Amino acid sequence: MNKKYKKPLTLKEMARRPESEIDYSDIPELDDAFWANAQVTAPRTKPNISLRLPENVVEFFKAESPRGYTSRMAAVLSAYVNAHKPH
């Protein structure tokens, strides 16, 4: 981190700053070598499903943070699947 900032900026602090005040000096330029090896990758998509869950389950995950609660639910289900896969 450049000495210009006393502490790292949060995303909100960074978003409030005008572009001219953001210090990009520690980010290397993307030269021709980078672009020569760059590959376009399609984003991974996830199936969109509808699922009825008990209210207490949804409340439990939303209590930690209403943002991203479905991602946390998916992480728990993924961990369950991985734990039950045959070795």
C-alpha atoms as a PDB file:
ATOM      1  CA  MET A   1       0.000   0.000   0.000  1.00  0.00           C
ATOM      2  CA  ASN A   2       1.259   3.408  -0.915  1.00  0.00           C
ATOM      3  CA  LYS A   3       2.088   5.795   1.942  1.00  0.00           C
ATOM      4  CA  LYS A   4      -0.611   8.145   0.626  1.00  0.00           C
ATOM      5  CA  TYR A   5      -3.242   6.372   2.761  1.00  0.00           C
ATOM      6  CA  LYS A   6      -2.846   5.812   6.515  1.00  0.00           C
ATOM      7  CA  LYS A   7      -4.992   2.656   6.350  1.00  0.00           C
ATOM      8  CA  PRO A   8      -6.506   0.582   3.540  1.00  0.00           C
ATOM      9  CA  LEU A   9      -9.702   2.085   2.170  1.00  0.00           C
ATOM     10  CA  THR A  10     -12.992   0.241   2.465  1.00  0.00           C
ATOM     11  CA  LEU A  11     -15.031  -0.313  -0.685  1.00  0.00           C
ATOM     12  CA  LYS A  12     -17.477   2.390   0.429  1.00  0.00           C
ATOM     13  CA  GLU A  13     -14.645   4.864   1.022  1.00  0.00           C
ATOM     14  CA  MET A  14     -13.167   4.016  -2.364  1.00  0.00           C
ATOM     15  CA  ALA A  15     -16.544   4.457  -4.097  1.00  0.00           C
ATOM     16  CA  ARG A  16     -16.973   7.938  -2.575  1.00  0.00           C
ATOM     17  CA  ARG A  17     -13.612   9.186  -3.820  1.00  0.00           C
ATOM     18  CA  PRO A  18     -13.381  10.950  -7.153  1.00  0.00           C
ATOM     19  CA  GLU A  19     -11.432   8.943  -9.702  1.00  0.00           C
ATOM     20  CA  SER A  20      -8.674  11.594  -9.678  1.00  0.00           C
ATOM     21  CA  GLU A  21      -7.951  10.952  -5.962  1.00  0.00           C
ATOM     22  CA  ILE A  22      -7.493   7.181  -6.214  1.00  0.00           C
ATOM     23  CA  ASP A  23      -3.867   6.055  -6.119  1.00  0.00           C
ATOM     24  CA  TYR A  24      -3.302   3.362  -8.751  1.00  0.00           C
ATOM     25  CA  SER A  25       0.503   3.529  -8.585  1.00  0.00           C
ATOM     26  CA  ASP A  26       0.883   0.024  -7.106  1.00  0.00           C
ATOM     27  CA  ILE A  27      -1.157  -1.627  -9.884  1.00  0.00           C
ATOM     28  CA  PRO A  28       1.004  -2.794 -12.790  1.00  0.00           C
ATOM     29  CA  GLU A  29       0.059  -1.801 -16.328  1.00  0.00           C
ATOM     30  CA  LEU A  30      -1.436  -4.530 -18.525  1.00  0.00           C
ATOM     31  CA  ASP A  31       1.113  -4.817 -21.297  1.00  0.00           C
ATOM     32  CA  ASP A  32       1.026  -6.681 -24.618  1.00  0.00           C
ATOM     33  CA  ALA A  33       2.381  -9.853 -22.965  1.00  0.00           C
ATOM     34  CA  PHE A  34      -0.632  -9.964 -20.658  1.00  0.00           C
ATOM     35  CA  TRP A  35      -3.089  -9.584 -23.524  1.00  0.00           C
ATOM     36  CA  ALA A  36      -1.214 -12.110 -25.682  1.00  0.00           C
ATOM     37  CA  ASN A  37      -1.897 -14.778 -23.037  1.00  0.00           C
ATOM     38  CA  ALA A  38      -5.351 -13.594 -21.935  1.00  0.00           C
ATOM     39  CA  GLN A  39      -8.245 -15.981 -22.455  1.00  0.00           C
ATOM     40  CA  VAL A  40     -11.930 -15.238 -22.578  1.00  0.00           C
ATOM     41  CA  THR A  41     -13.775 -17.433 -20.116  1.00  0.00           C
ATOM     42  CA  ALA A  42     -17.533 -17.741 -19.993  1.00  0.00           C
ATOM     43  CA  PRO A  43     -18.964 -17.097 -16.529  1.00  0.00           C
ATOM     44  CA  ARG A  44     -20.099 -20.127 -14.564  1.00  0.00           C
ATOM     45  CA  THR A  45     -23.827 -20.206 -14.292  1.00  0.00           C
ATOM     46  CA  LYS A  46     -25.870 -21.856 -11.602  1.00  0.00           C
ATOM     47  CA  PRO A  47     -29.321 -23.293 -12.155  1.00  0.00           C
ATOM     48  CA  ASN A  48     -32.093 -21.097 -10.829  1.00  0.00           C
ATOM     49  CA  ILE A  49     -34.469 -23.141  -8.679  1.00  0.00           C
ATOM     50  CA  SER A  50     -37.411 -22.480  -6.432  1.00  0.00           C
ATOM     51  CA  LEU A  51     -37.316 -24.141  -3.024  1.00  0.00           C
ATOM     52  CA  ARG A  52     -39.765 -24.035  -0.143  1.00  0.00           C
ATOM     53  CA  LEU A  53     -37.960 -23.928   3.197  1.00  0.00           C
ATOM     54  CA  PRO A  54     -39.182 -23.758   6.766  1.00  0.00           C
ATOM     55  CA  GLU A  55     -39.383 -20.163   7.962  1.00  0.00           C
ATOM     56  CA  ASN A  56     -36.994 -20.802  10.858  1.00  0.00           C
ATOM     57  CA  VAL A  57     -34.305 -21.983   8.408  1.00  0.00           C
ATOM     58  CA  VAL A  58     -34.554 -18.814   6.322  1.00  0.00           C
ATOM     59  CA  GLU A  59     -34.618 -16.635   9.450  1.00  0.00           C
ATOM     60  CA  PHE A  60     -31.508 -18.370  10.778  1.00  0.00           C
ATOM     61  CA  PHE A  61     -29.499 -17.558   7.643  1.00  0.00           C
ATOM     62  CA  LYS A  62     -30.902 -14.031   7.319  1.00  0.00           C
ATOM     63  CA  ALA A  63     -30.106 -13.251  10.975  1.00  0.00           C
ATOM     64  CA  GLU A  64     -26.357 -13.230  10.268  1.00  0.00           C
ATOM     65  CA  SER A  65     -26.844 -10.869   7.337  1.00  0.00           C
ATOM     66  CA  PRO A  66     -29.785 -10.425   4.974  1.00  0.00           C
ATOM     67  CA  ARG A  67     -27.329  -9.933   2.108  1.00  0.00           C
ATOM     68  CA  GLY A  68     -25.897 -13.150   0.744  1.00  0.00           C
ATOM     69  CA  TYR A  69     -27.981 -15.501   2.838  1.00  0.00           C
ATOM     70  CA  THR A  70     -28.794 -17.690  -0.176  1.00  0.00           C
ATOM     71  CA  SER A  71     -25.077 -18.035  -0.948  1.00  0.00           C
ATOM     72  CA  ARG A  72     -24.466 -19.196   2.628  1.00  0.00           C
ATOM     73  CA  MET A  73     -27.303 -21.698   2.294  1.00  0.00           C
ATOM     74  CA  ALA A  74     -25.732 -23.000  -0.920  1.00  0.00           C
ATOM     75  CA  ALA A  75     -22.344 -23.296   0.834  1.00  0.00           C
ATOM     76  CA  VAL A  76     -23.899 -25.404   3.609  1.00  0.00           C
ATOM     77  CA  LEU A  77     -25.573 -27.669   1.050  1.00  0.00           C
ATOM     78  CA  SER A  78     -22.289 -27.993  -0.886  1.00  0.00           C
ATOM     79  CA  ALA A  79     -20.438 -28.932   2.304  1.00  0.00           C
ATOM     80  CA  TYR A  80     -23.099 -31.587   3.019  1.00  0.00           C
ATOM     81  CA  VAL A  81     -22.741 -33.017  -0.494  1.00  0.00           C
ATOM     82  CA  ASN A  82     -18.935 -33.091  -0.233  1.00  0.00           C
ATOM     83  CA  ALA A  83     -19.084 -34.766   3.180  1.00  0.00           C
ATOM     84  CA  HIS A  84     -21.352 -37.502   1.829  1.00  0.00           C
ATOM     85  CA  LYS A  85     -19.518 -38.244  -1.405  1.00  0.00           C
ATOM     86  CA  PRO A  86     -17.975 -41.711  -1.547  1.00  0.00           C
ATOM     87  CA  HIS A  87     -14.200 -41.585  -1.211  1.00  0.00           C
END
